Amino acid sequence: MWAASTREAYDSFALQTTMAPMRDGVKLSTDIYLPAKSGKPVQAKYPVLIERTPYNKAGRKKTGEFLARRGYVAIIQDNRGRFGSEGRFSPFEEGEDGYDAIEWAASQPWSNGKVGSFGGSYTGMDQYNMSMYRPPHLIGMFIRMAGAALYDSISYPGGTPNGGWIGWVLRSAASSPQAAQKREAAESHRQAGENRPPRLAQTAAASPR
């Protein structure tokens, strides 16, 4: 299905960063890891593997390198409104961006038209949302682990309010592009996210199961 080359064919990778356009004109920051020899991209058409993340694509370098050395083009993309990407972050409502990213990747000169997605937790749920739009060039997904439903898995697991979810929201706000313009507010959000207010913990403990 994939026809990826063996590891021995590539001794390195080449990294390119671009802004991939979405249907509404917003551009998402995208790292592209290409199979290479001696640091120079090997011109060919490859299967593509993509992960879209709200946690900063720069932290996924080892994954990109691992896949490129094994004959895949690896794409790591910042979600809309996160780190290098334009637009406003809208968690768990990014199916159209996922579709557009898949189809964009399939149309590139280094792609053989076969695109797969991978990741877990948020990036697993991102795949769920994307798959509902049925991008024609998506031929496989690897969801390492992810909640099957936002309400049951994230907001109210077991029927109990998830105080940790509030912390995630606050930490995400603290690392948003907008936060860079308001450092004092960003630091306040970060601290609140790392030190869950006692009332949230009390609420969770008192909630019926």
N, C-alpha and C. Protein backbone atom coordinates (compact mmCIF):
# COMPACT_ATOMS: atom_id res chain seq x y z
N MET A 1 0.82 -1.21 0.00
CA MET A 1 0.00 0.00 0.00
C MET A 1 0.86 1.27 0.00
N TRP A 2 1.87 1.27 0.90
CA TRP A 2 2.66 2.47 1.03
C TRP A 2 3.87 2.50 0.11
N ALA A 3 4.49 1.35 -0.07
CA ALA A 3 5.67 1.26 -0.92
C ALA A 3 6.77 2.22 -0.49
N ALA A 4 6.92 2.40 0.82
CA ALA A 4 7.99 3.26 1.32
C ALA A 4 9.33 2.54 1.18
N SER A 5 10.38 3.32 0.97
CA SER A 5 11.70 2.73 0.81
C SER A 5 12.27 2.32 2.16
N THR A 6 13.29 1.50 2.14
CA THR A 6 13.89 1.03 3.38
C THR A 6 14.74 2.14 3.99
N ARG A 7 15.05 1.95 5.26
CA ARG A 7 15.84 2.96 5.98
C ARG A 7 17.20 3.17 5.32
N GLU A 8 17.79 2.12 4.80
CA GLU A 8 19.14 2.21 4.26
C GLU A 8 19.22 3.17 3.08
N ALA A 9 18.10 3.47 2.43
CA ALA A 9 18.13 4.33 1.25
C ALA A 9 18.38 5.79 1.62
N TYR A 10 18.13 6.16 2.89
CA TYR A 10 18.22 7.55 3.30
C TYR A 10 19.01 7.65 4.60
N ASP A 11 20.03 8.50 4.60
CA ASP A 11 20.87 8.61 5.79
C ASP A 11 20.58 9.87 6.60
N SER A 12 19.62 10.68 6.12
CA SER A 12 19.32 11.93 6.80
C SER A 12 17.95 12.43 6.36
N PHE A 13 17.67 13.67 6.73
CA PHE A 13 16.40 14.28 6.33
C PHE A 13 16.65 15.74 5.99
N ALA A 14 15.71 16.31 5.26
CA ALA A 14 15.76 17.74 4.95
C ALA A 14 14.47 18.37 5.45
N LEU A 15 14.60 19.46 6.19
CA LEU A 15 13.44 20.11 6.79
C LEU A 15 13.10 21.38 6.03
N GLN A 16 11.85 21.48 5.65
CA GLN A 16 11.33 22.70 5.04
C GLN A 16 10.12 23.16 5.84
N THR A 17 9.96 24.45 5.97
CA THR A 17 8.79 25.00 6.65
C THR A 17 8.04 25.91 5.70
N THR A 18 6.74 25.72 5.64
CA THR A 18 5.92 26.52 4.74
C THR A 18 4.60 26.85 5.42
N MET A 19 3.83 27.72 4.81
CA MET A 19 2.51 28.07 5.30
C MET A 19 1.49 27.46 4.35
N ALA A 20 0.79 26.43 4.80
CA ALA A 20 -0.17 25.72 3.96
C ALA A 20 -1.52 26.46 3.98
N PRO A 21 -2.09 26.75 2.82
CA PRO A 21 -3.34 27.51 2.77
C PRO A 21 -4.56 26.65 3.05
N MET A 22 -5.49 27.18 3.82
CA MET A 22 -6.78 26.54 4.06
C MET A 22 -7.84 27.20 3.17
N ARG A 23 -9.00 26.63 3.12
CA ARG A 23 -10.06 27.07 2.20
C ARG A 23 -10.50 28.51 2.42
N ASP A 24 -10.35 29.02 3.65
CA ASP A 24 -10.77 30.39 3.94
C ASP A 24 -9.63 31.40 3.86
N GLY A 25 -8.47 30.95 3.37
CA GLY A 25 -7.34 31.85 3.20
C GLY A 25 -6.37 31.88 4.36
N VAL A 26 -6.76 31.32 5.50
CA VAL A 26 -5.86 31.22 6.65
C VAL A 26 -4.73 30.25 6.31
N LYS A 27 -3.51 30.56 6.75
CA LYS A 27 -2.36 29.71 6.47
C LYS A 27 -1.82 29.09 7.75
N LEU A 28 -1.52 27.80 7.67
CA LEU A 28 -1.06 27.05 8.84
C LEU A 28 0.43 26.70 8.69
N SER A 29 1.17 26.96 9.75
CA SER A 29 2.61 26.70 9.72
C SER A 29 2.87 25.19 9.69
N THR A 30 3.67 24.77 8.73
CA THR A 30 3.82 23.35 8.43
C THR A 30 5.28 22.98 8.23
N ASP A 31 5.77 22.03 9.03
CA ASP A 31 7.12 21.49 8.83
C ASP A 31 7.04 20.25 7.96
N ILE A 32 7.91 20.20 6.98
CA ILE A 32 7.95 19.08 6.03
C ILE A 32 9.32 18.41 6.14
N TYR A 33 9.32 17.15 6.53
CA TYR A 33 10.55 16.37 6.66
C TYR A 33 10.66 15.46 5.44
N LEU A 34 11.68 15.69 4.62
CA LEU A 34 11.86 14.94 3.37
C LEU A 34 13.00 13.93 3.49
N PRO A 35 12.84 12.74 2.92
CA PRO A 35 13.96 11.79 2.87
C PRO A 35 15.15 12.41 2.16
N ALA A 36 16.34 12.17 2.69
CA ALA A 36 17.52 12.83 2.12
C ALA A 36 18.75 11.94 2.20
N LYS A 37 19.74 12.29 1.41
CA LYS A 37 21.06 11.69 1.48
C LYS A 37 22.07 12.81 1.66
N SER A 38 22.89 12.68 2.68
CA SER A 38 23.87 13.71 3.03
C SER A 38 23.21 15.07 3.20
N GLY A 39 21.99 15.06 3.72
CA GLY A 39 21.28 16.30 4.00
C GLY A 39 20.57 16.92 2.82
N LYS A 40 20.67 16.30 1.65
CA LYS A 40 20.01 16.85 0.46
C LYS A 40 18.80 16.00 0.10
N PRO A 41 17.62 16.64 -0.11
CA PRO A 41 16.40 15.88 -0.42
C PRO A 41 16.59 15.01 -1.66
N VAL A 42 16.08 13.80 -1.58
CA VAL A 42 16.09 12.90 -2.73
C VAL A 42 14.80 13.14 -3.51
N GLN A 43 14.93 13.59 -4.74
CA GLN A 43 13.77 13.92 -5.55
C GLN A 43 13.01 12.66 -5.95
N ALA A 44 11.81 12.52 -5.44
CA ALA A 44 10.96 11.37 -5.74
C ALA A 44 9.57 11.68 -5.19
N LYS A 45 8.65 10.75 -5.42
CA LYS A 45 7.31 10.88 -4.86
C LYS A 45 7.15 9.85 -3.74
N TYR A 46 6.72 10.32 -2.59
CA TYR A 46 6.68 9.48 -1.40
C TYR A 46 5.27 9.43 -0.80
N PRO A 47 4.99 8.38 -0.03
CA PRO A 47 3.78 8.40 0.81
C PRO A 47 3.99 9.45 1.91
N VAL A 48 2.90 10.02 2.37
CA VAL A 48 2.96 11.13 3.32
C VAL A 48 2.27 10.74 4.63
N LEU A 49 2.88 11.10 5.74
CA LEU A 49 2.26 10.92 7.05
C LEU A 49 2.17 12.28 7.73
N ILE A 50 1.00 12.60 8.28
CA ILE A 50 0.77 13.94 8.83
C ILE A 50 0.22 13.89 10.25
N GLU A 51 0.75 14.78 11.07
CA GLU A 51 0.21 15.00 12.41
C GLU A 51 -0.04 16.50 12.57
N ARG A 52 -1.23 16.83 13.03
CA ARG A 52 -1.58 18.23 13.29
C ARG A 52 -1.71 18.42 14.80
N THR A 53 -0.99 19.41 15.33
CA THR A 53 -0.88 19.51 16.79
C THR A 53 -1.07 20.92 17.31
N PRO A 54 -1.68 21.06 18.49
CA PRO A 54 -1.75 22.37 19.14
C PRO A 54 -0.57 22.62 20.08
N TYR A 55 0.38 21.67 20.13
CA TYR A 55 1.45 21.71 21.13
C TYR A 55 2.81 22.14 20.61
N ASN A 56 2.85 22.75 19.46
CA ASN A 56 4.08 23.26 18.84
C ASN A 56 4.79 22.18 18.04
N LYS A 57 4.71 22.29 16.75
CA LYS A 57 5.30 21.32 15.84
C LYS A 57 6.80 21.17 16.03
N ALA A 58 7.46 22.20 16.56
CA ALA A 58 8.91 22.12 16.75
C ALA A 58 9.30 20.99 17.69
N GLY A 59 8.39 20.59 18.57
CA GLY A 59 8.68 19.52 19.50
C GLY A 59 8.58 18.13 18.92
N ARG A 60 8.27 18.03 17.64
CA ARG A 60 8.08 16.72 17.00
C ARG A 60 9.20 16.42 16.01
N LYS A 61 10.33 17.06 16.17
CA LYS A 61 11.44 16.89 15.23
C LYS A 61 11.91 15.45 15.14
N LYS A 62 12.04 14.77 16.28
CA LYS A 62 12.53 13.39 16.26
C LYS A 62 11.59 12.48 15.48
N THR A 63 10.30 12.71 15.62
CA THR A 63 9.33 11.91 14.87
C THR A 63 9.47 12.16 13.38
N GLY A 64 9.58 13.43 13.00
CA GLY A 64 9.75 13.75 11.58
C GLY A 64 10.99 13.14 10.99
N GLU A 65 12.10 13.20 11.72
CA GLU A 65 13.36 12.62 11.26
C GLU A 65 13.24 11.10 11.12
N PHE A 66 12.64 10.45 12.12
CA PHE A 66 12.47 8.99 12.10
C PHE A 66 11.73 8.55 10.85
N LEU A 67 10.64 9.23 10.53
CA LEU A 67 9.82 8.83 9.38
C LEU A 67 10.51 9.14 8.05
N ALA A 68 11.17 10.29 7.96
CA ALA A 68 11.84 10.65 6.72
C ALA A 68 12.96 9.68 6.38
N ARG A 69 13.69 9.22 7.40
CA ARG A 69 14.78 8.27 7.16
C ARG A 69 14.25 6.92 6.67
N ARG A 70 12.97 6.69 6.83
CA ARG A 70 12.36 5.42 6.41
C ARG A 70 11.50 5.57 5.16
N GLY A 71 11.70 6.65 4.45
CA GLY A 71 11.08 6.77 3.14
C GLY A 71 9.71 7.40 3.12
N TYR A 72 9.35 8.13 4.16
CA TYR A 72 8.09 8.85 4.19
C TYR A 72 8.36 10.36 4.23
N VAL A 73 7.48 11.12 3.64
CA VAL A 73 7.46 12.55 3.92
C VAL A 73 6.61 12.73 5.17
N ALA A 74 7.20 13.32 6.20
CA ALA A 74 6.47 13.57 7.44
C ALA A 74 6.08 15.03 7.51
N ILE A 75 4.82 15.27 7.79
CA ILE A 75 4.32 16.63 7.92
C ILE A 75 3.83 16.83 9.35
N ILE A 76 4.36 17.84 10.01
CA ILE A 76 3.90 18.22 11.34
C ILE A 76 3.38 19.65 11.22
N GLN A 77 2.14 19.85 11.59
CA GLN A 77 1.49 21.14 11.35
C GLN A 77 0.91 21.71 12.65
N ASP A 78 1.15 22.99 12.88
CA ASP A 78 0.51 23.68 14.00
C ASP A 78 -0.96 23.89 13.67
N ASN A 79 -1.82 23.55 14.62
CA ASN A 79 -3.24 23.80 14.43
C ASN A 79 -3.50 25.30 14.27
N ARG A 80 -4.63 25.59 13.68
CA ARG A 80 -5.06 26.98 13.49
C ARG A 80 -5.00 27.75 14.83
N GLY A 81 -4.37 28.92 14.78
CA GLY A 81 -4.28 29.75 15.97
C GLY A 81 -3.26 29.32 16.99
N ARG A 82 -2.40 28.37 16.64
CA ARG A 82 -1.40 27.86 17.58
C ARG A 82 0.00 28.10 17.03
N PHE A 83 0.85 28.67 17.84
CA PHE A 83 2.26 28.90 17.54
C PHE A 83 2.44 29.61 16.20
N GLY A 84 2.95 28.95 15.17
CA GLY A 84 3.24 29.67 13.93
C GLY A 84 2.07 29.83 12.98
N SER A 85 0.92 29.28 13.31
CA SER A 85 -0.22 29.31 12.38
C SER A 85 -1.09 30.53 12.58
N GLU A 86 -1.71 30.95 11.50
CA GLU A 86 -2.64 32.06 11.54
C GLU A 86 -4.00 31.61 12.07
N GLY A 87 -4.89 32.57 12.27
CA GLY A 87 -6.27 32.26 12.64
C GLY A 87 -6.49 32.16 14.13
N ARG A 88 -7.68 31.73 14.49
CA ARG A 88 -8.08 31.62 15.89
C ARG A 88 -8.29 30.16 16.24
N PHE A 89 -7.70 29.75 17.36
CA PHE A 89 -7.81 28.36 17.81
C PHE A 89 -9.25 28.05 18.21
N SER A 90 -9.77 26.96 17.67
CA SER A 90 -11.12 26.51 18.00
C SER A 90 -11.04 25.01 18.28
N PRO A 91 -10.74 24.62 19.52
CA PRO A 91 -10.47 23.22 19.83
C PRO A 91 -11.58 22.27 19.41
N PHE A 92 -11.18 21.15 18.84
CA PHE A 92 -12.07 20.05 18.48
C PHE A 92 -13.08 20.42 17.39
N GLU A 93 -12.83 21.51 16.68
CA GLU A 93 -13.70 21.92 15.58
C GLU A 93 -12.87 22.21 14.34
N GLU A 94 -11.95 21.30 14.04
CA GLU A 94 -10.96 21.57 13.01
C GLU A 94 -10.98 20.56 11.87
N GLY A 95 -12.15 19.95 11.66
CA GLY A 95 -12.25 18.93 10.63
C GLY A 95 -11.95 19.45 9.24
N GLU A 96 -12.42 20.64 8.93
CA GLU A 96 -12.19 21.19 7.59
C GLU A 96 -10.71 21.49 7.37
N ASP A 97 -10.03 21.98 8.40
CA ASP A 97 -8.58 22.20 8.26
C ASP A 97 -7.85 20.88 8.03
N GLY A 98 -8.27 19.84 8.74
CA GLY A 98 -7.66 18.53 8.54
C GLY A 98 -7.85 18.05 7.12
N TYR A 99 -9.05 18.19 6.61
CA TYR A 99 -9.35 17.81 5.21
C TYR A 99 -8.43 18.58 4.27
N ASP A 100 -8.37 19.90 4.45
CA ASP A 100 -7.57 20.73 3.54
C ASP A 100 -6.09 20.38 3.63
N ALA A 101 -5.61 20.05 4.83
CA ALA A 101 -4.20 19.69 4.99
C ALA A 101 -3.89 18.39 4.25
N ILE A 102 -4.78 17.42 4.36
CA ILE A 102 -4.59 16.14 3.66
C ILE A 102 -4.54 16.35 2.15
N GLU A 103 -5.50 17.09 1.65
CA GLU A 103 -5.58 17.29 0.19
C GLU A 103 -4.43 18.17 -0.31
N TRP A 104 -4.01 19.13 0.50
CA TRP A 104 -2.84 19.93 0.13
C TRP A 104 -1.60 19.05 0.03
N ALA A 105 -1.40 18.19 1.03
CA ALA A 105 -0.23 17.32 1.03
C ALA A 105 -0.23 16.39 -0.18
N ALA A 106 -1.40 15.86 -0.52
CA ALA A 106 -1.50 14.93 -1.65
C ALA A 106 -1.15 15.59 -2.98
N SER A 107 -1.30 16.91 -3.06
CA SER A 107 -1.08 17.61 -4.33
C SER A 107 0.35 18.10 -4.52
N GLN A 108 1.20 17.91 -3.51
CA GLN A 108 2.57 18.44 -3.59
C GLN A 108 3.46 17.56 -4.47
N PRO A 109 4.51 18.14 -5.05
CA PRO A 109 5.36 17.39 -5.99
C PRO A 109 6.10 16.22 -5.36
N TRP A 110 6.29 16.22 -4.05
CA TRP A 110 6.99 15.11 -3.39
C TRP A 110 6.03 14.02 -2.90
N SER A 111 4.75 14.17 -3.18
CA SER A 111 3.75 13.21 -2.71
C SER A 111 3.33 12.25 -3.81
N ASN A 112 3.10 10.98 -3.43
CA ASN A 112 2.57 10.02 -4.39
C ASN A 112 1.04 9.94 -4.32
N GLY A 113 0.44 10.85 -3.55
CA GLY A 113 -1.01 10.91 -3.47
C GLY A 113 -1.62 10.07 -2.36
N LYS A 114 -0.78 9.34 -1.63
CA LYS A 114 -1.27 8.52 -0.52
C LYS A 114 -0.88 9.19 0.79
N VAL A 115 -1.89 9.54 1.58
CA VAL A 115 -1.65 10.29 2.81
C VAL A 115 -2.27 9.55 3.99
N GLY A 116 -1.50 9.42 5.07
CA GLY A 116 -2.00 8.85 6.30
C GLY A 116 -1.81 9.83 7.44
N SER A 117 -2.58 9.68 8.49
CA SER A 117 -2.46 10.57 9.65
C SER A 117 -2.08 9.74 10.87
N PHE A 118 -1.52 10.42 11.88
CA PHE A 118 -1.12 9.70 13.09
C PHE A 118 -1.14 10.65 14.27
N GLY A 119 -1.10 10.07 15.47
CA GLY A 119 -1.04 10.86 16.69
C GLY A 119 -1.97 10.31 17.75
N GLY A 120 -1.87 10.90 18.95
CA GLY A 120 -2.71 10.45 20.05
C GLY A 120 -3.17 11.61 20.91
N SER A 121 -4.14 11.34 21.78
CA SER A 121 -4.74 12.34 22.64
C SER A 121 -5.39 13.42 21.77
N TYR A 122 -4.99 14.69 21.92
CA TYR A 122 -5.64 15.72 21.11
C TYR A 122 -5.46 15.43 19.62
N THR A 123 -4.25 15.02 19.22
CA THR A 123 -4.01 14.80 17.80
C THR A 123 -4.73 13.55 17.28
N GLY A 124 -5.14 12.69 18.20
CA GLY A 124 -6.00 11.58 17.80
C GLY A 124 -7.42 12.05 17.55
N MET A 125 -7.94 12.89 18.45
CA MET A 125 -9.28 13.42 18.26
C MET A 125 -9.34 14.33 17.05
N ASP A 126 -8.25 15.01 16.76
CA ASP A 126 -8.17 15.82 15.54
C ASP A 126 -8.39 14.94 14.31
N GLN A 127 -7.86 13.72 14.35
CA GLN A 127 -8.06 12.80 13.23
C GLN A 127 -9.53 12.38 13.11
N TYR A 128 -10.17 12.14 14.25
CA TYR A 128 -11.60 11.81 14.21
C TYR A 128 -12.37 12.91 13.48
N ASN A 129 -12.12 14.16 13.86
CA ASN A 129 -12.84 15.28 13.27
C ASN A 129 -12.57 15.39 11.78
N MET A 130 -11.32 15.21 11.40
CA MET A 130 -10.95 15.30 9.99
C MET A 130 -11.60 14.19 9.17
N SER A 131 -11.63 12.97 9.73
CA SER A 131 -12.13 11.82 8.96
C SER A 131 -13.61 11.94 8.61
N MET A 132 -14.36 12.70 9.41
CA MET A 132 -15.78 12.86 9.13
C MET A 132 -16.04 13.58 7.81
N TYR A 133 -15.04 14.32 7.33
CA TYR A 133 -15.17 15.03 6.06
C TYR A 133 -14.70 14.19 4.88
N ARG A 134 -14.15 13.03 5.16
CA ARG A 134 -13.76 12.05 4.15
C ARG A 134 -12.84 12.60 3.06
N PRO A 135 -11.67 13.08 3.41
CA PRO A 135 -10.73 13.53 2.37
C PRO A 135 -10.37 12.37 1.45
N PRO A 136 -10.50 12.54 0.15
CA PRO A 136 -10.32 11.41 -0.77
C PRO A 136 -8.93 10.80 -0.79
N HIS A 137 -7.90 11.55 -0.40
CA HIS A 137 -6.54 11.01 -0.45
C HIS A 137 -6.08 10.43 0.89
N LEU A 138 -6.95 10.43 1.86
CA LEU A 138 -6.61 9.80 3.15
C LEU A 138 -6.82 8.30 3.05
N ILE A 139 -5.76 7.52 3.23
CA ILE A 139 -5.91 6.07 3.08
C ILE A 139 -5.71 5.31 4.39
N GLY A 140 -5.36 6.03 5.47
CA GLY A 140 -5.19 5.34 6.74
C GLY A 140 -4.99 6.31 7.88
N MET A 141 -5.38 5.88 9.09
CA MET A 141 -5.16 6.68 10.29
C MET A 141 -4.57 5.78 11.38
N PHE A 142 -3.64 6.32 12.15
CA PHE A 142 -3.14 5.63 13.33
C PHE A 142 -3.43 6.52 14.53
N ILE A 143 -4.48 6.18 15.27
CA ILE A 143 -4.86 6.93 16.46
C ILE A 143 -4.32 6.15 17.65
N ARG A 144 -3.22 6.61 18.18
CA ARG A 144 -2.54 5.89 19.26
C ARG A 144 -3.45 5.73 20.48
N MET A 145 -4.13 6.79 20.81
CA MET A 145 -5.17 6.75 21.84
C MET A 145 -5.88 8.10 21.82
N ALA A 146 -7.17 8.08 22.05
CA ALA A 146 -7.95 9.31 22.06
C ALA A 146 -9.34 9.01 22.59
N GLY A 147 -9.94 9.97 23.23
CA GLY A 147 -11.31 9.80 23.70
C GLY A 147 -12.27 9.68 22.54
N ALA A 148 -13.27 8.84 22.72
CA ALA A 148 -14.25 8.63 21.65
C ALA A 148 -15.30 9.73 21.60
N ALA A 149 -15.49 10.43 22.71
CA ALA A 149 -16.50 11.49 22.77
C ALA A 149 -16.00 12.58 23.70
N LEU A 150 -16.12 13.82 23.28
CA LEU A 150 -15.61 14.94 24.06
C LEU A 150 -16.26 15.02 25.44
N TYR A 151 -17.55 14.87 25.51
CA TYR A 151 -18.27 14.99 26.77
C TYR A 151 -17.84 13.89 27.76
N ASP A 152 -17.91 12.65 27.30
CA ASP A 152 -17.61 11.52 28.19
C ASP A 152 -16.13 11.38 28.51
N SER A 153 -15.27 11.70 27.55
CA SER A 153 -13.84 11.45 27.73
C SER A 153 -13.08 12.64 28.32
N ILE A 154 -13.57 13.86 28.06
CA ILE A 154 -12.81 15.04 28.45
C ILE A 154 -13.54 15.88 29.50
N SER A 155 -14.74 16.31 29.19
CA SER A 155 -15.42 17.26 30.06
C SER A 155 -15.97 16.63 31.34
N TYR A 156 -16.62 15.47 31.20
CA TYR A 156 -17.25 14.82 32.35
C TYR A 156 -16.97 13.32 32.36
N PRO A 157 -15.72 12.91 32.49
CA PRO A 157 -15.43 11.47 32.52
C PRO A 157 -16.10 10.81 33.72
N GLY A 158 -16.87 9.78 33.45
CA GLY A 158 -17.59 9.10 34.52
C GLY A 158 -18.67 9.95 35.14
N GLY A 159 -19.06 11.03 34.46
CA GLY A 159 -20.08 11.92 34.98
C GLY A 159 -19.56 12.97 35.94
N THR A 160 -18.24 13.01 36.15
CA THR A 160 -17.64 13.95 37.09
C THR A 160 -16.96 15.09 36.34
N PRO A 161 -17.21 16.34 36.71
CA PRO A 161 -16.53 17.46 36.05
C PRO A 161 -15.01 17.31 36.12
N ASN A 162 -14.36 17.51 35.01
CA ASN A 162 -12.92 17.33 34.91
C ASN A 162 -12.21 18.66 35.15
N GLY A 163 -11.74 18.88 36.39
CA GLY A 163 -11.03 20.12 36.69
C GLY A 163 -9.76 20.29 35.89
N GLY A 164 -9.13 19.18 35.52
CA GLY A 164 -7.92 19.25 34.71
C GLY A 164 -8.15 19.85 33.34
N TRP A 165 -9.38 19.72 32.84
CA TRP A 165 -9.73 20.28 31.54
C TRP A 165 -9.61 21.80 31.57
N ILE A 166 -10.03 22.41 32.69
CA ILE A 166 -9.90 23.85 32.83
C ILE A 166 -8.43 24.27 32.80
N GLY A 167 -7.58 23.46 33.45
CA GLY A 167 -6.16 23.74 33.42
C GLY A 167 -5.61 23.71 32.01
N TRP A 168 -6.05 22.74 31.21
CA TRP A 168 -5.60 22.64 29.81
C TRP A 168 -6.01 23.88 29.03
N VAL A 169 -7.23 24.34 29.23
CA VAL A 169 -7.70 25.54 28.54
C VAL A 169 -6.85 26.74 28.92
N LEU A 170 -6.56 26.90 30.21
CA LEU A 170 -5.77 28.04 30.66
C LEU A 170 -4.33 27.98 30.13
N ARG A 171 -3.73 26.80 30.15
CA ARG A 171 -2.36 26.66 29.63
C ARG A 171 -2.32 26.91 28.12
N SER A 172 -3.35 26.49 27.42
CA SER A 172 -3.41 26.74 25.98
C SER A 172 -3.52 28.24 25.71
N ALA A 173 -4.32 28.93 26.52
CA ALA A 173 -4.45 30.38 26.35
C ALA A 173 -3.11 31.06 26.61
N ALA A 174 -2.38 30.56 27.59
CA ALA A 174 -1.10 31.18 27.95
C ALA A 174 -0.05 31.03 26.85
N SER A 175 -0.17 30.00 26.01
CA SER A 175 0.81 29.77 24.94
C SER A 175 0.28 30.18 23.57
N SER A 176 -0.81 30.93 23.55
CA SER A 176 -1.38 31.35 22.27
C SER A 176 -0.60 32.52 21.67
N PRO A 177 -0.68 32.74 20.37
CA PRO A 177 -0.02 33.90 19.77
C PRO A 177 -0.49 35.21 20.39
N GLN A 178 -1.75 35.28 20.76
CA GLN A 178 -2.27 36.50 21.37
C GLN A 178 -1.60 36.78 22.71
N ALA A 179 -1.24 35.70 23.43
CA ALA A 179 -0.62 35.86 24.74
C ALA A 179 0.74 36.55 24.64
N ALA A 180 1.40 36.39 23.51
CA ALA A 180 2.71 37.03 23.34
C ALA A 180 2.60 38.54 23.39
N GLN A 181 1.40 39.06 23.10
CA GLN A 181 1.18 40.50 23.14
C GLN A 181 0.75 40.98 24.52
N LYS A 182 0.38 40.03 25.37
CA LYS A 182 -0.10 40.38 26.72
C LYS A 182 0.57 39.45 27.72
N ARG A 183 1.83 39.71 27.98
CA ARG A 183 2.64 38.80 28.77
C ARG A 183 2.15 38.64 30.21
N GLU A 184 1.67 39.70 30.80
CA GLU A 184 1.20 39.61 32.17
C GLU A 184 -0.02 38.70 32.27
N ALA A 185 -0.94 38.86 31.34
CA ALA A 185 -2.13 38.00 31.33
C ALA A 185 -1.73 36.56 31.03
N ALA A 186 -0.77 36.38 30.13
CA ALA A 186 -0.33 35.03 29.78
C ALA A 186 0.26 34.32 30.99
N GLU A 187 1.07 35.02 31.77
CA GLU A 187 1.68 34.42 32.95
C GLU A 187 0.62 34.07 33.98
N SER A 188 -0.39 34.91 34.11
CA SER A 188 -1.49 34.63 35.03
C SER A 188 -2.23 33.37 34.62
N HIS A 189 -2.48 33.23 33.33
CA HIS A 189 -3.16 32.03 32.82
C HIS A 189 -2.30 30.79 33.04
N ARG A 190 -1.00 30.94 32.79
CA ARG A 190 -0.12 29.78 32.95
C ARG A 190 -0.11 29.30 34.40
N GLN A 191 0.02 30.23 35.33
CA GLN A 191 0.05 29.86 36.74
C GLN A 191 -1.26 29.23 37.18
N ALA A 192 -2.36 29.79 36.70
CA ALA A 192 -3.67 29.24 37.06
C ALA A 192 -3.83 27.84 36.49
N GLY A 193 -3.30 27.62 35.30
CA GLY A 193 -3.41 26.31 34.68
C GLY A 193 -2.58 25.25 35.38
N GLU A 194 -1.42 25.65 35.90
CA GLU A 194 -0.54 24.71 36.58
C GLU A 194 -0.96 24.47 38.03
N ASN A 195 -1.62 25.44 38.61
CA ASN A 195 -2.07 25.32 40.00
C ASN A 195 -3.58 25.43 40.03
N ARG A 196 -4.23 24.30 39.84
CA ARG A 196 -5.68 24.28 39.74
C ARG A 196 -6.31 24.90 40.99
N PRO A 197 -7.20 25.89 40.80
CA PRO A 197 -7.84 26.52 41.96
C PRO A 197 -8.51 25.49 42.86
N PRO A 198 -8.41 25.65 44.20
CA PRO A 198 -9.00 24.68 45.13
C PRO A 198 -10.48 24.44 44.89
N ARG A 199 -11.20 25.45 44.47
CA ARG A 199 -12.64 25.26 44.29
C ARG A 199 -12.95 24.27 43.18
N LEU A 200 -12.06 24.18 42.18
CA LEU A 200 -12.27 23.20 41.11
C LEU A 200 -12.06 21.78 41.65
N ALA A 201 -11.02 21.63 42.46
CA ALA A 201 -10.77 20.32 43.06
C ALA A 201 -11.92 19.92 43.98
N GLN A 202 -12.44 20.88 44.76
CA GLN A 202 -13.55 20.61 45.64
C GLN A 202 -14.80 20.22 44.89
N THR A 203 -15.03 20.92 43.76
CA THR A 203 -16.19 20.61 42.92
C THR A 203 -16.13 19.19 42.39
N ALA A 204 -14.93 18.81 41.93
CA ALA A 204 -14.76 17.46 41.37
C ALA A 204 -14.99 16.40 42.44
N ALA A 205 -14.47 16.67 43.66
CA ALA A 205 -14.59 15.69 44.74
C ALA A 205 -16.03 15.54 45.21
N ALA A 206 -16.79 16.63 45.14
CA ALA A 206 -18.16 16.60 45.64
C ALA A 206 -19.18 16.14 44.62
N SER A 207 -18.77 16.03 43.37
CA SER A 207 -19.69 15.66 42.30
C SER A 207 -20.09 14.20 42.40
N PRO A 208 -21.35 13.89 42.10
CA PRO A 208 -21.79 12.48 42.14
C PRO A 208 -21.15 11.68 41.03
N ARG A 209 -20.92 10.41 41.29
CA ARG A 209 -20.32 9.54 40.26
C ARG A 209 -21.39 8.64 39.67
